Amino acid sequence: MSSTVLITIISLSTLGLLAAIVLFFVARKFKVYEDPRIDQVEEALPGANCGGCGFAGCRNFAEALVKAESFEGLNCPVGGSDTMKSAAEILGRVAPEVEPRVAVVRCNGTPEHSPRTNSYDGAPNCTIAHSVYGGETGCSYGCLGLGECVDACDFDAMYMDSVTELPVIIDDNCVACGACVRACPRDIIELRKKSKKERKIYVCCVNEDKGGPARKACKVACIGCGKCQQVCEFDAITIANNLAFIDSDKCKFCRKCEPVCPTGAILELNFPPRKPKEEKEAKVEA
C-alpha cells in the first residue's frame, strides 16, 4: 500500500473521529429532555388520533396532559372517563367527570319538507358546493347532502340516508370526536349531551331567515316565534337570529316545548308516546 493511500485513510479516519466527538458534545449540549410519563400516558390513550381532544394527535394530547397543572378543559372523547382516569392515575392527578356527548344533525330538509328547486352538477364535496352556490333547495342554510361529514367519520358512526338525503348518526358508534362537526361547512352538526336511552330534544333547523322565507323554503323550519322559549321553565331555550336553540346541558326533558312548536321544528327522539290529553284530564279529576 502506497504512503499516499495510507495518509489518506489516516486523515479521513481522524476527521471522522473528530466530527463524531464534536457531534457527541453538541448533542449533549442541546439535548431536549422528554418526560418519560408522556409515553405512559400515550399508551393509556386509544390511539385514534382523531383530533377530538383539540390536539393534532394522541401524542400531542399526552404531552399537554403531562404539562398541564390540572385536567380542566382537557378530555379524550373517544376514550371517555375511563381513559382520563387512567391518565390521571399515571400523573397522580384527578380527572373531572365529563358528560359524554353525541353528534346530532340539525337539519330536517328532506325532499318531503324542502322540495328541490335545482340539481347540483359539480364536485361531490360539501365544502366546494357550499362555496359556489346555495343548495338544491330554497334553504341556503341546510344540508347539502354530499356526505363530507360521513367521509370524515373514522368510526362508522354515520351514513347517508337515500330517502331523506340527509346524514344519519349511529349513536352507539359515535364517540363525539367532532370530525363531522368540523367537516360540515354549514355548521348543522352539533355535539349534544348524551342522555339515558339516547333521548334527545333539539331544534332541527339552522335557518336564520325570517319566518316567512324560512317556512317557504322548508315546511319544518324554525320561524323564531318564541313559543318554545315561553313554556321552558329551565332557561334552556334561547332565540337569536330568528332561530331557537335548546341547550342540552340545561334541558330537563320536560317536553313542554315540542307540542307548542307550530312548524314541527323541534324533534323528540326515543321518548315513550305521549298520553292522550283526555286521559290526563281524567286522572286530574279523579
Protein backbone atom coordinates (compact mmCIF):
# COMPACT_ATOMS: atom_id res chain seq x y z
CA MET A 1 0.00 0.00 0.00
CA SER A 2 1.47 3.38 -1.00
CA SER A 3 2.13 6.09 1.52
CA THR A 4 -0.39 8.38 -0.19
CA VAL A 5 -3.24 5.92 0.31
CA LEU A 6 -2.17 5.29 3.90
CA ILE A 7 -2.05 9.00 4.68
CA THR A 8 -5.49 9.50 3.10
CA ILE A 9 -7.03 6.72 5.21
CA ILE A 10 -5.48 8.06 8.40
CA SER A 11 -6.60 11.63 7.60
CA LEU A 12 -10.19 10.62 6.85
CA SER A 13 -10.34 8.45 9.96
CA THR A 14 -9.04 11.30 12.08
CA LEU A 15 -11.57 13.72 10.59
CA GLY A 16 -14.38 11.22 11.16
CA LEU A 17 -13.32 10.73 14.78
CA LEU A 18 -13.13 14.47 15.39
CA ALA A 19 -16.55 15.01 13.79
CA ALA A 20 -18.03 12.25 15.95
CA ILE A 21 -16.58 13.85 19.09
CA VAL A 22 -17.96 17.26 18.11
CA LEU A 23 -21.40 15.84 17.34
CA PHE A 24 -21.41 13.97 20.64
CA PHE A 25 -20.77 17.11 22.69
CA VAL A 26 -23.23 19.16 20.61
CA ALA A 27 -25.92 16.54 21.14
CA ARG A 28 -25.21 16.54 24.90
CA LYS A 29 -25.28 20.34 24.95
CA PHE A 30 -28.61 20.71 23.12
CA LYS A 31 -30.28 17.56 24.35
CA VAL A 32 -34.02 18.01 24.84
CA TYR A 33 -35.36 16.26 27.90
CA GLU A 34 -38.67 14.46 27.40
CA ASP A 35 -40.72 13.40 30.37
CA PRO A 36 -41.00 9.58 30.31
CA ARG A 37 -44.57 9.89 31.57
CA ILE A 38 -45.58 11.13 28.11
CA ASP A 39 -45.04 7.62 26.72
CA GLN A 40 -47.03 6.11 29.59
CA VAL A 41 -49.96 8.48 29.08
CA GLU A 42 -49.89 7.96 25.32
CA GLU A 43 -50.18 4.20 25.84
CA ALA A 44 -53.27 4.79 28.00
CA LEU A 45 -54.94 6.78 25.19
CA PRO A 46 -56.96 5.00 22.48
CA GLY A 47 -54.57 5.94 19.66
CA ALA A 48 -57.34 7.14 17.36
CA ASN A 49 -55.53 10.40 16.52
CA CYS A 50 -58.92 11.87 15.63
CA GLY A 51 -58.30 15.37 16.96
CA GLY A 52 -61.43 15.29 19.10
CA CYS A 53 -59.39 16.42 22.11
CA GLY A 54 -58.39 19.58 20.26
CA PHE A 55 -54.83 18.44 19.58
CA ALA A 56 -53.20 17.09 16.43
CA GLY A 57 -52.96 13.56 17.79
CA CYS A 58 -52.73 11.38 20.88
CA ARG A 59 -49.03 12.13 21.33
CA ASN A 60 -49.67 15.86 21.42
CA PHE A 61 -52.56 15.35 23.83
CA ALA A 62 -50.37 13.22 26.11
CA GLU A 63 -47.76 16.00 26.19
CA ALA A 64 -50.47 18.52 27.08
CA LEU A 65 -51.75 16.33 29.91
CA VAL A 66 -48.28 15.93 31.39
CA LYS A 67 -47.57 19.66 31.22
CA ALA A 68 -50.99 20.80 32.47
CA GLU A 69 -51.46 21.62 36.13
CA SER A 70 -54.99 20.18 36.05
CA PHE A 71 -57.23 18.26 33.66
CA GLU A 72 -59.82 21.03 33.49
CA GLY A 73 -60.78 21.60 29.86
CA LEU A 74 -58.89 18.52 28.70
CA ASN A 75 -60.79 15.44 27.60
CA CYS A 76 -60.46 12.47 25.27
CA PRO A 77 -63.96 11.95 23.81
CA VAL A 78 -63.04 8.59 22.30
CA GLY A 79 -61.68 7.02 25.48
CA GLY A 80 -64.13 8.77 27.76
CA SER A 81 -63.90 8.96 31.54
CA ASP A 82 -62.14 5.60 31.93
CA THR A 83 -59.24 6.73 29.74
CA MET A 84 -58.97 10.06 31.51
CA LYS A 85 -58.93 8.32 34.90
CA SER A 86 -56.11 6.06 33.74
CA ALA A 87 -54.11 9.06 32.58
CA ALA A 88 -54.81 10.83 35.87
CA GLU A 89 -53.54 7.85 37.87
CA ILE A 90 -50.27 7.88 35.94
CA LEU A 91 -49.77 11.56 36.68
CA GLY A 92 -51.11 11.48 40.22
CA ARG A 93 -53.97 13.83 39.44
CA VAL A 94 -57.76 13.80 39.43
CA ALA A 95 -59.77 13.70 36.22
CA PRO A 96 -63.04 15.63 36.43
CA GLU A 97 -66.18 13.85 35.28
CA VAL A 98 -67.09 14.86 31.73
CA GLU A 99 -70.54 14.00 30.44
CA PRO A 100 -70.44 12.05 27.18
CA ARG A 101 -71.65 13.74 24.01
CA VAL A 102 -73.17 12.58 20.77
CA ALA A 103 -73.50 14.24 17.39
CA VAL A 104 -76.88 15.35 16.03
CA VAL A 105 -77.78 16.66 12.58
CA ARG A 106 -79.77 19.86 12.93
CA CYS A 107 -81.49 19.76 9.57
CA ASN A 108 -84.72 18.08 8.53
CA GLY A 109 -84.76 19.34 4.96
CA THR A 110 -85.87 16.11 3.33
CA PRO A 111 -87.39 16.17 -0.19
CA GLU A 112 -90.79 15.95 1.53
CA HIS A 113 -90.20 19.04 3.66
CA SER A 114 -87.96 21.06 1.38
CA PRO A 115 -88.61 20.46 -2.35
CA ARG A 116 -85.63 20.51 -4.68
CA THR A 117 -85.57 23.52 -6.99
CA ASN A 118 -82.43 22.66 -8.95
CA SER A 119 -79.84 19.94 -9.36
CA TYR A 120 -76.17 20.22 -8.45
CA ASP A 121 -73.72 19.03 -11.10
CA GLY A 122 -70.28 19.52 -9.68
CA ALA A 123 -67.62 18.06 -7.43
CA PRO A 124 -69.25 15.76 -4.83
CA ASN A 125 -67.87 17.73 -1.91
CA CYS A 126 -69.87 19.84 0.54
CA THR A 127 -67.17 22.47 1.03
CA ILE A 128 -66.83 23.06 -2.70
CA ALA A 129 -70.59 23.09 -3.25
CA HIS A 130 -71.11 25.49 -0.35
CA SER A 131 -68.59 27.92 -1.80
CA VAL A 132 -70.23 28.13 -5.22
CA TYR A 133 -73.99 28.04 -4.65
CA GLY A 134 -76.83 28.00 -2.13
CA GLY A 135 -78.02 24.43 -2.50
CA GLU A 136 -80.64 22.38 -4.28
CA THR A 137 -83.49 23.80 -2.20
CA GLY A 138 -84.71 27.25 -1.24
CA CYS A 139 -82.82 26.97 2.06
CA SER A 140 -79.26 28.24 1.88
CA TYR A 141 -78.52 27.01 5.41
CA GLY A 142 -79.46 23.34 5.21
CA CYS A 143 -77.58 20.14 4.49
CA LEU A 144 -76.06 19.82 1.03
CA GLY A 145 -76.33 16.04 1.17
CA LEU A 146 -72.94 15.23 -0.36
CA GLY A 147 -71.68 13.29 2.66
CA GLU A 148 -68.44 15.06 3.52
CA CYS A 149 -69.28 14.51 7.20
CA VAL A 150 -69.66 10.77 6.57
CA ASP A 151 -66.28 10.65 4.85
CA ALA A 152 -64.71 12.42 7.83
CA CYS A 153 -66.01 9.87 10.36
CA ASP A 154 -63.46 7.18 11.27
CA PHE A 155 -65.80 5.22 13.49
CA ASP A 156 -68.56 4.13 11.08
CA ALA A 157 -70.98 6.27 13.05
CA MET A 158 -72.64 7.96 10.07
CA TYR A 159 -74.26 7.13 6.77
CA MET A 160 -76.29 8.94 4.13
CA ASP A 161 -79.98 8.04 4.00
CA SER A 162 -81.03 7.58 0.37
CA VAL A 163 -84.64 8.57 1.13
CA THR A 164 -84.15 11.68 3.28
CA GLU A 165 -80.86 12.57 1.55
CA LEU A 166 -79.52 13.53 4.97
CA PRO A 167 -76.74 12.07 7.14
CA VAL A 168 -77.79 9.75 9.95
CA ILE A 169 -75.87 9.36 13.22
CA ILE A 170 -75.44 5.88 14.72
CA ASP A 171 -75.41 6.76 18.42
CA ASP A 172 -73.79 3.50 19.54
CA ASN A 173 -70.78 4.15 17.30
CA CYS A 174 -70.45 7.90 17.79
CA VAL A 175 -67.56 8.87 20.08
CA ALA A 176 -68.12 12.64 19.78
CA CYS A 177 -64.70 13.20 18.22
CA GLY A 178 -66.12 16.20 16.37
CA ALA A 179 -64.70 15.27 12.96
CA CYS A 180 -68.12 15.55 11.34
CA VAL A 181 -68.73 18.91 13.03
CA ARG A 182 -65.51 20.30 11.61
CA ALA A 183 -66.17 18.81 8.17
CA CYS A 184 -69.60 20.39 7.72
CA PRO A 185 -69.26 23.79 6.02
CA ARG A 186 -72.75 24.81 7.14
CA ASP A 187 -72.38 24.03 10.84
CA ILE A 188 -75.51 21.89 11.02
CA ILE A 189 -73.92 19.14 13.13
CA GLU A 190 -73.69 19.67 16.87
CA LEU A 191 -72.29 17.70 19.78
CA ARG A 192 -75.01 17.47 22.44
CA LYS A 193 -75.07 15.90 25.88
CA LYS A 194 -75.74 12.18 25.67
CA SER A 195 -78.66 11.13 27.85
CA LYS A 196 -80.07 7.85 29.05
CA LYS A 197 -81.86 5.73 26.46
CA GLU A 198 -80.46 8.05 23.75
CA ARG A 199 -83.24 10.56 24.32
CA LYS A 200 -82.95 13.93 22.59
CA ILE A 201 -84.91 17.14 22.25
CA TYR A 202 -83.49 19.75 19.90
CA VAL A 203 -84.38 22.30 17.25
CA CYS A 204 -83.70 20.53 13.98
CA CYS A 205 -83.10 23.68 11.96
CA VAL A 206 -80.33 26.24 11.44
CA ASN A 207 -82.16 28.60 9.07
CA GLU A 208 -81.69 32.19 10.22
CA ASP A 209 -84.11 33.72 7.70
CA LYS A 210 -87.27 35.36 8.97
CA GLY A 211 -90.35 33.22 9.46
CA GLY A 212 -91.96 33.66 6.05
CA PRO A 213 -88.96 32.93 3.83
CA ALA A 214 -87.77 30.17 6.16
CA ARG A 215 -91.14 28.40 6.08
CA LYS A 216 -91.38 28.82 2.32
CA ALA A 217 -88.04 27.08 1.89
CA CYS A 218 -88.84 24.27 4.33
CA LYS A 219 -92.14 23.21 5.91
CA VAL A 220 -90.47 22.33 9.22
CA ALA A 221 -88.20 25.36 9.53
CA CYS A 222 -87.93 27.26 12.79
CA ILE A 223 -89.60 30.66 12.48
CA GLY A 224 -88.26 32.10 15.73
CA CYS A 225 -91.73 32.67 17.17
CA GLY A 226 -90.52 32.15 20.75
CA LYS A 227 -93.41 29.92 21.88
CA CYS A 228 -90.99 27.20 22.97
CA GLN A 229 -88.98 29.69 25.00
CA GLN A 230 -92.11 30.90 26.77
CA VAL A 231 -93.02 27.44 28.10
CA CYS A 232 -89.49 26.43 29.12
CA GLU A 233 -89.02 26.70 32.90
CA PHE A 234 -85.29 25.95 32.89
CA ASP A 235 -83.89 28.74 30.68
CA ALA A 236 -82.74 26.08 28.25
CA ILE A 237 -84.12 27.81 25.14
CA THR A 238 -82.78 30.97 23.56
CA ILE A 239 -83.87 32.85 20.46
CA ALA A 240 -81.26 34.53 18.30
CA ASN A 241 -81.19 35.46 14.60
CA ASN A 242 -84.78 34.23 14.10
CA LEU A 243 -83.78 30.81 15.37
CA ALA A 244 -84.48 28.87 18.57
CA PHE A 245 -81.79 26.80 20.25
CA ILE A 246 -82.13 24.27 23.08
CA ASP A 247 -79.12 23.96 25.39
CA SER A 248 -78.67 20.25 26.08
CA ASP A 249 -76.85 21.00 29.35
CA LYS A 250 -79.88 22.86 30.72
CA CYS A 251 -82.73 20.89 29.18
CA LYS A 252 -84.57 18.68 31.71
CA PHE A 253 -86.73 16.85 29.15
CA CYS A 254 -89.96 18.32 30.47
CA ARG A 255 -91.25 18.02 26.88
CA LYS A 256 -93.30 21.20 27.01
CA CYS A 257 -91.62 22.85 24.03
CA GLU A 258 -92.31 20.30 21.30
CA PRO A 259 -96.15 20.47 21.42
CA VAL A 260 -96.22 24.27 21.12
CA CYS A 261 -93.90 24.47 18.10
CA PRO A 262 -96.16 25.49 15.18
CA THR A 263 -93.87 24.12 12.47
CA GLY A 264 -92.59 20.87 13.99
CA ALA A 265 -89.01 22.17 14.04
CA ILE A 266 -88.42 20.66 17.49
CA LEU A 267 -87.68 16.94 17.46
CA GLU A 268 -88.22 14.50 20.31
CA LEU A 269 -86.39 11.22 19.85
CA ASN A 270 -86.63 7.93 21.78
CA PHE A 271 -89.32 9.09 24.22
CA PRO A 272 -92.38 6.99 25.10
CA PRO A 273 -95.61 8.03 23.34
CA ARG A 274 -97.46 10.90 24.96
CA LYS A 275 -100.65 10.03 26.77
CA PRO A 276 -103.83 11.39 25.19
CA LYS A 277 -104.97 14.72 26.63
CA GLU A 278 -108.33 13.26 27.68
CA GLU A 279 -106.60 10.56 29.73
CA LYS A 280 -104.50 13.16 31.54
CA GLU A 281 -107.56 15.28 32.37
CA ALA A 282 -109.42 12.21 33.68
CA LYS A 283 -106.56 11.43 36.08
CA VAL A 284 -106.50 15.01 37.37
CA GLU A 285 -110.26 14.95 38.04
CA ALA A 286 -110.01 11.60 39.83
